[in-house]
């Protein structure tokens, strides 16, 4: 017995498959080619992404030591699109906006993330437009950003 998370927000073929799959059907898996580099050298971490980023962000959140300060923001159009982590908790802060608008996401980031942090590492897992806007926003010396890991989803 196993639990799986399958995100099917955009592709009709995936939505059709998940509606039709039945107990006993053969399901094939392949190892993800996506590797998330976990950097332990920061004092503060900003985890930002859309719902497709949740597996990555949950993984990062789980492996960072408790001594690290982690701030997060996951944005989605509907609350039901945000699924829990493996332990059935929701450890990351969420922002619901329907329809998703880049300006509102940026406003939420501005109010959520403090520029009073030092040695901050940012993980951005958003679409290319939001990643570009946030990378520009965080490219401010006041933030003392150590590294930015960026992935377009």
N, C-alpha and C. Protein backbone atom coordinates (compact mmCIF):
# COMPACT_ATOMS: atom_id res chain seq x y z
N UNK A 1 0.86 -1.17 0.00
CA UNK A 1 0.00 0.00 0.00
C UNK A 1 0.90 1.22 0.00
N UNK A 2 0.56 2.20 -0.81
CA UNK A 2 1.34 3.43 -0.88
C UNK A 2 0.43 4.60 -1.24
N UNK A 3 0.81 5.77 -0.79
CA UNK A 3 0.12 7.00 -1.17
C UNK A 3 0.98 7.73 -2.18
N UNK A 4 0.34 8.30 -3.18
CA UNK A 4 1.05 9.04 -4.22
C UNK A 4 0.40 10.39 -4.40
N UNK A 5 1.21 11.34 -4.82
CA UNK A 5 0.70 12.65 -5.19
C UNK A 5 0.89 12.78 -6.69
N UNK A 6 -0.20 13.05 -7.38
CA UNK A 6 -0.15 13.26 -8.82
C UNK A 6 -0.78 14.61 -9.08
N UNK A 7 0.00 15.52 -9.63
CA UNK A 7 -0.50 16.86 -9.89
C UNK A 7 -0.95 16.92 -11.34
N UNK A 8 -2.22 17.24 -11.55
CA UNK A 8 -2.78 17.25 -12.90
C UNK A 8 -3.55 18.54 -13.13
N UNK A 9 -2.87 19.65 -13.04
CA UNK A 9 -3.55 20.92 -13.17
C UNK A 9 -3.69 21.40 -14.62
N UNK A 10 -2.77 21.01 -15.48
CA UNK A 10 -2.75 21.63 -16.79
C UNK A 10 -3.05 20.70 -17.96
N UNK A 11 -2.71 19.45 -17.83
CA UNK A 11 -2.74 18.58 -19.00
C UNK A 11 -4.00 17.70 -18.99
N UNK A 12 -4.81 17.85 -20.04
CA UNK A 12 -6.05 17.08 -20.12
C UNK A 12 -5.80 15.59 -20.14
N UNK A 13 -4.70 15.15 -20.76
CA UNK A 13 -4.42 13.71 -20.81
C UNK A 13 -4.17 13.17 -19.41
N UNK A 14 -3.51 13.94 -18.55
CA UNK A 14 -3.28 13.50 -17.17
C UNK A 14 -4.59 13.48 -16.39
N UNK A 15 -5.41 14.49 -16.59
CA UNK A 15 -6.71 14.51 -15.92
C UNK A 15 -7.55 13.31 -16.33
N UNK A 16 -7.54 12.98 -17.61
CA UNK A 16 -8.30 11.83 -18.10
C UNK A 16 -7.76 10.53 -17.50
N UNK A 17 -6.43 10.40 -17.42
CA UNK A 17 -5.83 9.20 -16.86
C UNK A 17 -6.22 9.02 -15.40
N UNK A 18 -6.15 10.08 -14.61
CA UNK A 18 -6.44 9.95 -13.18
C UNK A 18 -7.92 9.61 -12.95
N UNK A 19 -8.80 10.08 -13.82
CA UNK A 19 -10.23 9.74 -13.69
C UNK A 19 -10.49 8.28 -14.02
N UNK A 20 -9.68 7.71 -14.91
CA UNK A 20 -9.95 6.35 -15.39
C UNK A 20 -9.14 5.26 -14.71
N UNK A 21 -8.08 5.59 -13.99
CA UNK A 21 -7.26 4.57 -13.37
C UNK A 21 -8.06 3.86 -12.27
N UNK A 22 -7.90 2.57 -12.17
CA UNK A 22 -8.65 1.76 -11.21
C UNK A 22 -7.70 0.90 -10.38
N UNK A 23 -8.17 0.49 -9.24
CA UNK A 23 -7.40 -0.41 -8.40
C UNK A 23 -7.05 -1.65 -9.21
N UNK A 24 -5.80 -2.06 -9.14
CA UNK A 24 -5.34 -3.22 -9.88
C UNK A 24 -4.70 -2.88 -11.21
N UNK A 25 -4.89 -1.65 -11.71
CA UNK A 25 -4.24 -1.23 -12.95
C UNK A 25 -2.74 -1.16 -12.74
N UNK A 26 -1.98 -1.52 -13.78
CA UNK A 26 -0.52 -1.42 -13.70
C UNK A 26 -0.13 0.05 -13.86
N UNK A 27 0.74 0.49 -12.97
CA UNK A 27 1.24 1.87 -13.02
C UNK A 27 2.76 1.79 -13.02
N UNK A 28 3.38 2.48 -13.95
CA UNK A 28 4.83 2.46 -14.07
C UNK A 28 5.40 3.78 -13.60
N UNK A 29 6.53 3.71 -12.93
CA UNK A 29 7.20 4.90 -12.39
C UNK A 29 8.60 4.96 -12.94
N UNK A 30 9.09 6.16 -13.05
CA UNK A 30 10.49 6.34 -13.38
C UNK A 30 11.07 7.31 -12.37
N UNK A 31 12.33 7.13 -12.10
CA UNK A 31 13.01 8.02 -11.16
C UNK A 31 13.03 9.42 -11.76
N UNK A 32 12.72 10.39 -10.95
CA UNK A 32 12.72 11.77 -11.41
C UNK A 32 14.13 12.19 -11.80
N UNK A 33 14.24 12.87 -12.92
CA UNK A 33 15.54 13.38 -13.33
C UNK A 33 15.83 14.73 -12.67
N UNK A 34 14.85 15.23 -11.95
CA UNK A 34 15.00 16.50 -11.27
C UNK A 34 15.72 16.30 -9.94
N UNK A 35 16.80 16.99 -9.75
CA UNK A 35 17.54 16.90 -8.50
C UNK A 35 17.48 18.28 -7.85
N UNK A 36 17.09 18.30 -6.61
CA UNK A 36 17.06 19.55 -5.87
C UNK A 36 18.32 19.60 -5.01
N UNK A 37 19.10 20.64 -5.22
CA UNK A 37 20.32 20.81 -4.44
C UNK A 37 19.95 21.47 -3.13
N UNK A 38 20.24 20.80 -2.03
CA UNK A 38 19.96 21.36 -0.72
C UNK A 38 21.23 22.01 -0.21
N UNK A 39 21.16 23.28 0.06
CA UNK A 39 22.30 24.03 0.55
C UNK A 39 22.06 24.34 2.02
N UNK A 40 22.95 23.88 2.87
CA UNK A 40 22.79 24.02 4.32
C UNK A 40 23.54 25.22 4.90
N UNK A 41 24.12 26.08 4.06
CA UNK A 41 24.99 27.14 4.55
C UNK A 41 24.26 28.41 4.96
N UNK A 42 22.99 28.53 4.65
CA UNK A 42 22.25 29.74 5.00
C UNK A 42 21.75 29.72 6.44
N UNK A 43 21.47 30.91 6.95
CA UNK A 43 20.80 31.02 8.25
C UNK A 43 19.29 31.11 8.07
N UNK A 44 18.88 31.74 6.97
CA UNK A 44 17.47 31.92 6.64
C UNK A 44 17.19 31.32 5.26
N UNK A 45 15.97 30.83 5.10
CA UNK A 45 15.56 30.25 3.82
C UNK A 45 14.19 30.80 3.45
N UNK A 46 14.05 31.22 2.20
CA UNK A 46 12.77 31.62 1.65
C UNK A 46 12.39 30.55 0.63
N UNK A 47 11.27 29.88 0.85
CA UNK A 47 10.76 28.85 -0.06
C UNK A 47 9.51 29.40 -0.73
N UNK A 48 9.58 29.61 -2.04
CA UNK A 48 8.47 30.24 -2.76
C UNK A 48 8.16 29.42 -4.00
N UNK A 49 6.86 29.15 -4.22
CA UNK A 49 6.51 28.41 -5.42
C UNK A 49 5.02 28.26 -5.61
N UNK A 50 4.67 27.69 -6.77
CA UNK A 50 3.27 27.38 -7.05
C UNK A 50 2.98 25.95 -6.59
N UNK A 51 1.77 25.47 -6.81
CA UNK A 51 1.40 24.14 -6.29
C UNK A 51 2.21 23.02 -6.93
N UNK A 52 2.69 23.22 -8.15
CA UNK A 52 3.54 22.19 -8.77
C UNK A 52 4.87 22.06 -8.04
N UNK A 53 5.23 23.07 -7.28
CA UNK A 53 6.50 23.07 -6.54
C UNK A 53 6.39 22.40 -5.17
N UNK A 54 5.19 22.08 -4.73
CA UNK A 54 5.03 21.54 -3.37
C UNK A 54 5.92 20.34 -3.06
N UNK A 55 6.05 19.34 -3.92
CA UNK A 55 6.95 18.22 -3.58
C UNK A 55 8.38 18.69 -3.32
N UNK A 56 8.88 19.61 -4.14
CA UNK A 56 10.24 20.14 -3.95
C UNK A 56 10.34 20.91 -2.64
N UNK A 57 9.38 21.80 -2.42
CA UNK A 57 9.43 22.66 -1.24
C UNK A 57 9.27 21.85 0.05
N UNK A 58 8.39 20.85 0.02
CA UNK A 58 8.23 19.98 1.19
C UNK A 58 9.54 19.23 1.47
N UNK A 59 10.18 18.74 0.41
CA UNK A 59 11.43 18.02 0.60
C UNK A 59 12.49 18.92 1.23
N UNK A 60 12.63 20.13 0.72
CA UNK A 60 13.60 21.07 1.28
C UNK A 60 13.27 21.37 2.73
N UNK A 61 12.01 21.63 3.00
CA UNK A 61 11.58 21.94 4.37
C UNK A 61 11.87 20.80 5.34
N UNK A 62 11.70 19.56 4.88
CA UNK A 62 11.94 18.39 5.75
C UNK A 62 13.40 18.19 6.09
N UNK A 63 14.30 18.47 5.14
CA UNK A 63 15.71 18.12 5.36
C UNK A 63 16.54 19.24 6.00
N UNK A 64 16.04 20.46 6.01
CA UNK A 64 16.80 21.53 6.64
C UNK A 64 16.76 21.36 8.16
N UNK A 65 17.87 21.60 8.83
CA UNK A 65 17.90 21.49 10.30
C UNK A 65 16.92 22.46 10.97
N UNK A 66 16.43 22.08 12.12
CA UNK A 66 15.47 22.93 12.85
C UNK A 66 16.09 24.26 13.28
N UNK A 67 17.40 24.35 13.28
CA UNK A 67 18.07 25.60 13.65
C UNK A 67 17.96 26.67 12.56
N UNK A 68 17.54 26.29 11.37
CA UNK A 68 17.41 27.23 10.26
C UNK A 68 16.03 27.91 10.32
N UNK A 69 15.99 29.19 9.99
CA UNK A 69 14.72 29.92 9.94
C UNK A 69 14.18 29.81 8.52
N UNK A 70 12.99 29.23 8.41
CA UNK A 70 12.39 28.99 7.10
C UNK A 70 11.09 29.79 7.00
N UNK A 71 11.00 30.57 5.94
CA UNK A 71 9.78 31.30 5.62
C UNK A 71 9.31 30.79 4.26
N UNK A 72 8.01 30.68 4.08
CA UNK A 72 7.52 30.07 2.85
C UNK A 72 6.27 30.77 2.33
N UNK A 73 6.04 30.58 1.04
CA UNK A 73 4.81 31.04 0.42
C UNK A 73 4.55 30.18 -0.80
N UNK A 74 3.43 29.47 -0.78
CA UNK A 74 2.99 28.65 -1.90
C UNK A 74 1.70 29.28 -2.40
N UNK A 75 1.63 29.59 -3.69
CA UNK A 75 0.42 30.22 -4.21
C UNK A 75 -0.36 29.27 -5.10
N UNK A 76 -1.68 29.43 -5.05
CA UNK A 76 -2.58 28.57 -5.82
C UNK A 76 -3.88 29.31 -6.09
N UNK A 77 -4.63 28.82 -7.07
CA UNK A 77 -5.93 29.40 -7.36
C UNK A 77 -7.01 28.90 -6.41
N UNK A 78 -6.85 27.68 -5.88
CA UNK A 78 -7.84 27.09 -4.99
C UNK A 78 -7.13 26.42 -3.81
N UNK A 79 -7.72 26.53 -2.64
CA UNK A 79 -7.14 25.90 -1.45
C UNK A 79 -7.04 24.38 -1.61
N UNK A 80 -8.01 23.78 -2.28
CA UNK A 80 -7.98 22.31 -2.43
C UNK A 80 -6.84 21.83 -3.32
N UNK A 81 -6.18 22.73 -4.05
CA UNK A 81 -5.01 22.34 -4.84
C UNK A 81 -3.77 22.16 -3.99
N UNK A 82 -3.80 22.67 -2.77
CA UNK A 82 -2.65 22.54 -1.87
C UNK A 82 -2.82 21.26 -1.05
N UNK A 83 -1.94 20.32 -1.30
CA UNK A 83 -2.02 19.01 -0.63
C UNK A 83 -1.00 18.96 0.50
N UNK A 84 -1.24 18.08 1.48
CA UNK A 84 -0.35 18.01 2.65
C UNK A 84 0.96 17.30 2.34
N UNK A 85 1.91 17.48 3.25
CA UNK A 85 3.19 16.79 3.18
C UNK A 85 2.98 15.33 3.57
N UNK A 86 4.06 14.55 3.55
CA UNK A 86 3.97 13.12 3.86
C UNK A 86 3.38 12.82 5.23
N UNK A 87 3.57 13.72 6.18
CA UNK A 87 3.04 13.51 7.53
C UNK A 87 1.63 14.06 7.69
N UNK A 88 1.01 14.45 6.57
CA UNK A 88 -0.37 14.95 6.52
C UNK A 88 -0.52 16.36 7.11
N UNK A 89 0.61 17.06 7.30
CA UNK A 89 0.55 18.45 7.78
C UNK A 89 0.73 19.39 6.60
N UNK A 90 0.43 20.66 6.85
CA UNK A 90 0.63 21.73 5.87
C UNK A 90 1.64 22.71 6.46
N UNK A 91 2.95 22.40 6.40
CA UNK A 91 3.94 23.23 7.09
C UNK A 91 4.29 24.54 6.37
N UNK A 92 3.83 24.71 5.14
CA UNK A 92 4.18 25.89 4.37
C UNK A 92 3.00 26.85 4.29
N UNK A 93 3.28 28.14 4.35
CA UNK A 93 2.24 29.16 4.27
C UNK A 93 1.72 29.22 2.84
N UNK A 94 0.39 29.38 2.69
CA UNK A 94 -0.18 29.42 1.35
C UNK A 94 -0.87 30.75 1.09
N UNK A 95 -1.01 31.06 -0.18
CA UNK A 95 -1.66 32.28 -0.65
C UNK A 95 -2.60 31.87 -1.77
N UNK A 96 -3.90 32.14 -1.60
CA UNK A 96 -4.90 31.76 -2.59
C UNK A 96 -5.33 33.01 -3.35
N UNK A 97 -5.26 32.93 -4.66
CA UNK A 97 -5.64 34.05 -5.53
C UNK A 97 -6.23 33.48 -6.80
N UNK A 98 -7.49 33.84 -7.08
CA UNK A 98 -8.16 33.34 -8.26
C UNK A 98 -8.82 34.49 -8.99
N UNK A 99 -8.37 34.79 -10.20
CA UNK A 99 -7.29 34.14 -10.93
C UNK A 99 -5.93 34.60 -10.41
N UNK A 100 -4.92 33.78 -10.66
CA UNK A 100 -3.57 34.14 -10.24
C UNK A 100 -3.11 35.36 -11.02
N UNK A 101 -2.63 36.34 -10.30
CA UNK A 101 -2.13 37.57 -10.92
C UNK A 101 -0.73 37.84 -10.36
N UNK A 102 0.20 38.06 -11.25
CA UNK A 102 1.60 38.27 -10.85
C UNK A 102 1.72 39.41 -9.84
N UNK A 103 0.99 40.49 -10.05
CA UNK A 103 1.10 41.65 -9.15
C UNK A 103 0.70 41.29 -7.73
N UNK A 104 -0.37 40.50 -7.57
CA UNK A 104 -0.85 40.11 -6.23
C UNK A 104 0.13 39.13 -5.57
N UNK A 105 0.73 38.27 -6.35
CA UNK A 105 1.71 37.33 -5.79
C UNK A 105 2.92 38.12 -5.29
N UNK A 106 3.38 39.08 -6.07
CA UNK A 106 4.52 39.91 -5.66
C UNK A 106 4.17 40.69 -4.40
N UNK A 107 2.96 41.25 -4.33
CA UNK A 107 2.53 41.98 -3.12
C UNK A 107 2.57 41.06 -1.90
N UNK A 108 2.11 39.84 -2.06
CA UNK A 108 2.11 38.89 -0.95
C UNK A 108 3.54 38.55 -0.52
N UNK A 109 4.43 38.40 -1.47
CA UNK A 109 5.84 38.14 -1.15
C UNK A 109 6.43 39.32 -0.37
N UNK A 110 6.12 40.53 -0.81
CA UNK A 110 6.65 41.73 -0.15
C UNK A 110 6.21 41.79 1.31
N UNK A 111 4.96 41.42 1.58
CA UNK A 111 4.47 41.47 2.97
C UNK A 111 4.91 40.25 3.80
N UNK A 112 5.30 39.16 3.15
CA UNK A 112 5.65 37.94 3.87
C UNK A 112 7.13 37.86 4.24
N UNK A 113 8.01 38.31 3.34
CA UNK A 113 9.44 38.08 3.52
C UNK A 113 10.15 39.35 3.97
N UNK A 114 10.85 39.22 5.07
CA UNK A 114 11.54 40.35 5.68
C UNK A 114 12.88 40.62 5.01
N UNK A 115 13.22 41.89 4.89
CA UNK A 115 14.55 42.23 4.38
C UNK A 115 15.54 42.39 5.53
N UNK A 116 15.16 41.96 6.72
CA UNK A 116 16.01 42.05 7.91
C UNK A 116 16.80 40.77 8.15
N UNK A 117 16.84 39.91 7.17
CA UNK A 117 17.54 38.63 7.33
C UNK A 117 18.97 38.73 6.77
N UNK A 118 19.82 37.88 7.27
CA UNK A 118 21.19 37.80 6.79
C UNK A 118 21.46 36.35 6.35
N UNK A 119 22.36 36.20 5.39
CA UNK A 119 22.75 34.88 4.91
C UNK A 119 21.52 34.06 4.51
N UNK A 120 20.77 34.63 3.59
CA UNK A 120 19.51 34.03 3.15
C UNK A 120 19.70 33.28 1.85
N UNK A 121 19.11 32.10 1.79
CA UNK A 121 19.08 31.30 0.56
C UNK A 121 17.63 31.21 0.13
N UNK A 122 17.39 31.47 -1.16
CA UNK A 122 16.03 31.47 -1.70
C UNK A 122 15.88 30.33 -2.69
N UNK A 123 14.77 29.61 -2.56
CA UNK A 123 14.37 28.61 -3.55
C UNK A 123 13.11 29.14 -4.22
N UNK A 124 13.20 29.46 -5.52
CA UNK A 124 12.07 29.94 -6.31
C UNK A 124 11.65 28.85 -7.29
N UNK A 125 10.46 28.34 -7.13
CA UNK A 125 9.91 27.31 -8.02
C UNK A 125 8.57 27.82 -8.53
N UNK A 126 8.62 28.73 -9.47
CA UNK A 126 7.43 29.39 -10.00
C UNK A 126 7.45 29.30 -11.52
N UNK A 127 6.44 29.91 -12.16
CA UNK A 127 6.53 30.02 -13.62
C UNK A 127 7.57 31.08 -13.96
N UNK A 128 7.98 31.14 -15.21
CA UNK A 128 9.09 32.01 -15.60
C UNK A 128 8.81 33.48 -15.33
N UNK A 129 7.57 33.93 -15.51
CA UNK A 129 7.24 35.34 -15.27
C UNK A 129 7.42 35.71 -13.79
N UNK A 130 6.88 34.88 -12.91
CA UNK A 130 6.98 35.15 -11.48
C UNK A 130 8.43 35.03 -11.02
N UNK A 131 9.15 34.01 -11.50
CA UNK A 131 10.56 33.87 -11.14
C UNK A 131 11.36 35.11 -11.52
N UNK A 132 11.13 35.63 -12.71
CA UNK A 132 11.87 36.82 -13.16
C UNK A 132 11.54 38.02 -12.28
N UNK A 133 10.26 38.23 -11.99
CA UNK A 133 9.86 39.36 -11.14
C UNK A 133 10.45 39.24 -9.73
N UNK A 134 10.39 38.03 -9.16
CA UNK A 134 10.90 37.84 -7.80
C UNK A 134 12.42 37.93 -7.76
N UNK A 135 13.09 37.41 -8.76
CA UNK A 135 14.56 37.52 -8.81
C UNK A 135 14.96 38.99 -8.83
N UNK A 136 14.25 39.80 -9.61
CA UNK A 136 14.52 41.25 -9.63
C UNK A 136 14.26 41.87 -8.26
N UNK A 137 13.13 41.50 -7.65
CA UNK A 137 12.77 42.06 -6.34
C UNK A 137 13.83 41.72 -5.28
N UNK A 138 14.27 40.47 -5.25
CA UNK A 138 15.24 40.06 -4.23
C UNK A 138 16.67 40.49 -4.56
N UNK A 139 16.88 41.03 -5.74
CA UNK A 139 18.20 41.53 -6.12
C UNK A 139 18.42 42.92 -5.51
N UNK A 140 18.15 43.01 -4.23
CA UNK A 140 18.26 44.25 -3.48
C UNK A 140 19.25 44.00 -2.35
N UNK A 141 20.29 44.81 -2.22
CA UNK A 141 21.30 44.57 -1.19
C UNK A 141 20.73 44.50 0.23
N UNK A 142 19.56 45.07 0.46
CA UNK A 142 18.96 45.04 1.80
C UNK A 142 18.65 43.62 2.25
N UNK A 143 18.43 42.71 1.31
CA UNK A 143 18.06 41.34 1.65
C UNK A 143 19.24 40.48 2.08
N UNK A 144 20.45 40.81 1.72
CA UNK A 144 21.62 40.01 2.05
C UNK A 144 21.45 38.57 1.56
N UNK A 145 21.07 38.43 0.32
CA UNK A 145 20.83 37.12 -0.28
C UNK A 145 22.17 36.45 -0.56
N UNK A 146 22.30 35.22 -0.07
CA UNK A 146 23.51 34.45 -0.28
C UNK A 146 23.45 33.72 -1.62
N UNK A 147 22.34 33.04 -1.88
CA UNK A 147 22.15 32.28 -3.12
C UNK A 147 20.67 32.25 -3.48
N UNK A 148 20.41 32.13 -4.78
CA UNK A 148 19.04 31.92 -5.25
C UNK A 148 19.04 30.68 -6.14
N UNK A 149 18.21 29.71 -5.79
CA UNK A 149 18.00 28.55 -6.63
C UNK A 149 16.67 28.78 -7.33
N UNK A 150 16.68 28.69 -8.67
CA UNK A 150 15.51 29.04 -9.45
C UNK A 150 15.17 27.90 -10.39
N UNK A 151 13.89 27.55 -10.43
CA UNK A 151 13.41 26.52 -11.36
C UNK A 151 12.08 26.99 -11.92
N UNK A 152 11.99 27.03 -13.25
CA UNK A 152 10.73 27.41 -13.90
C UNK A 152 9.82 26.19 -13.98
N UNK A 153 8.63 26.33 -13.42
CA UNK A 153 7.64 25.24 -13.46
C UNK A 153 6.42 25.65 -14.27
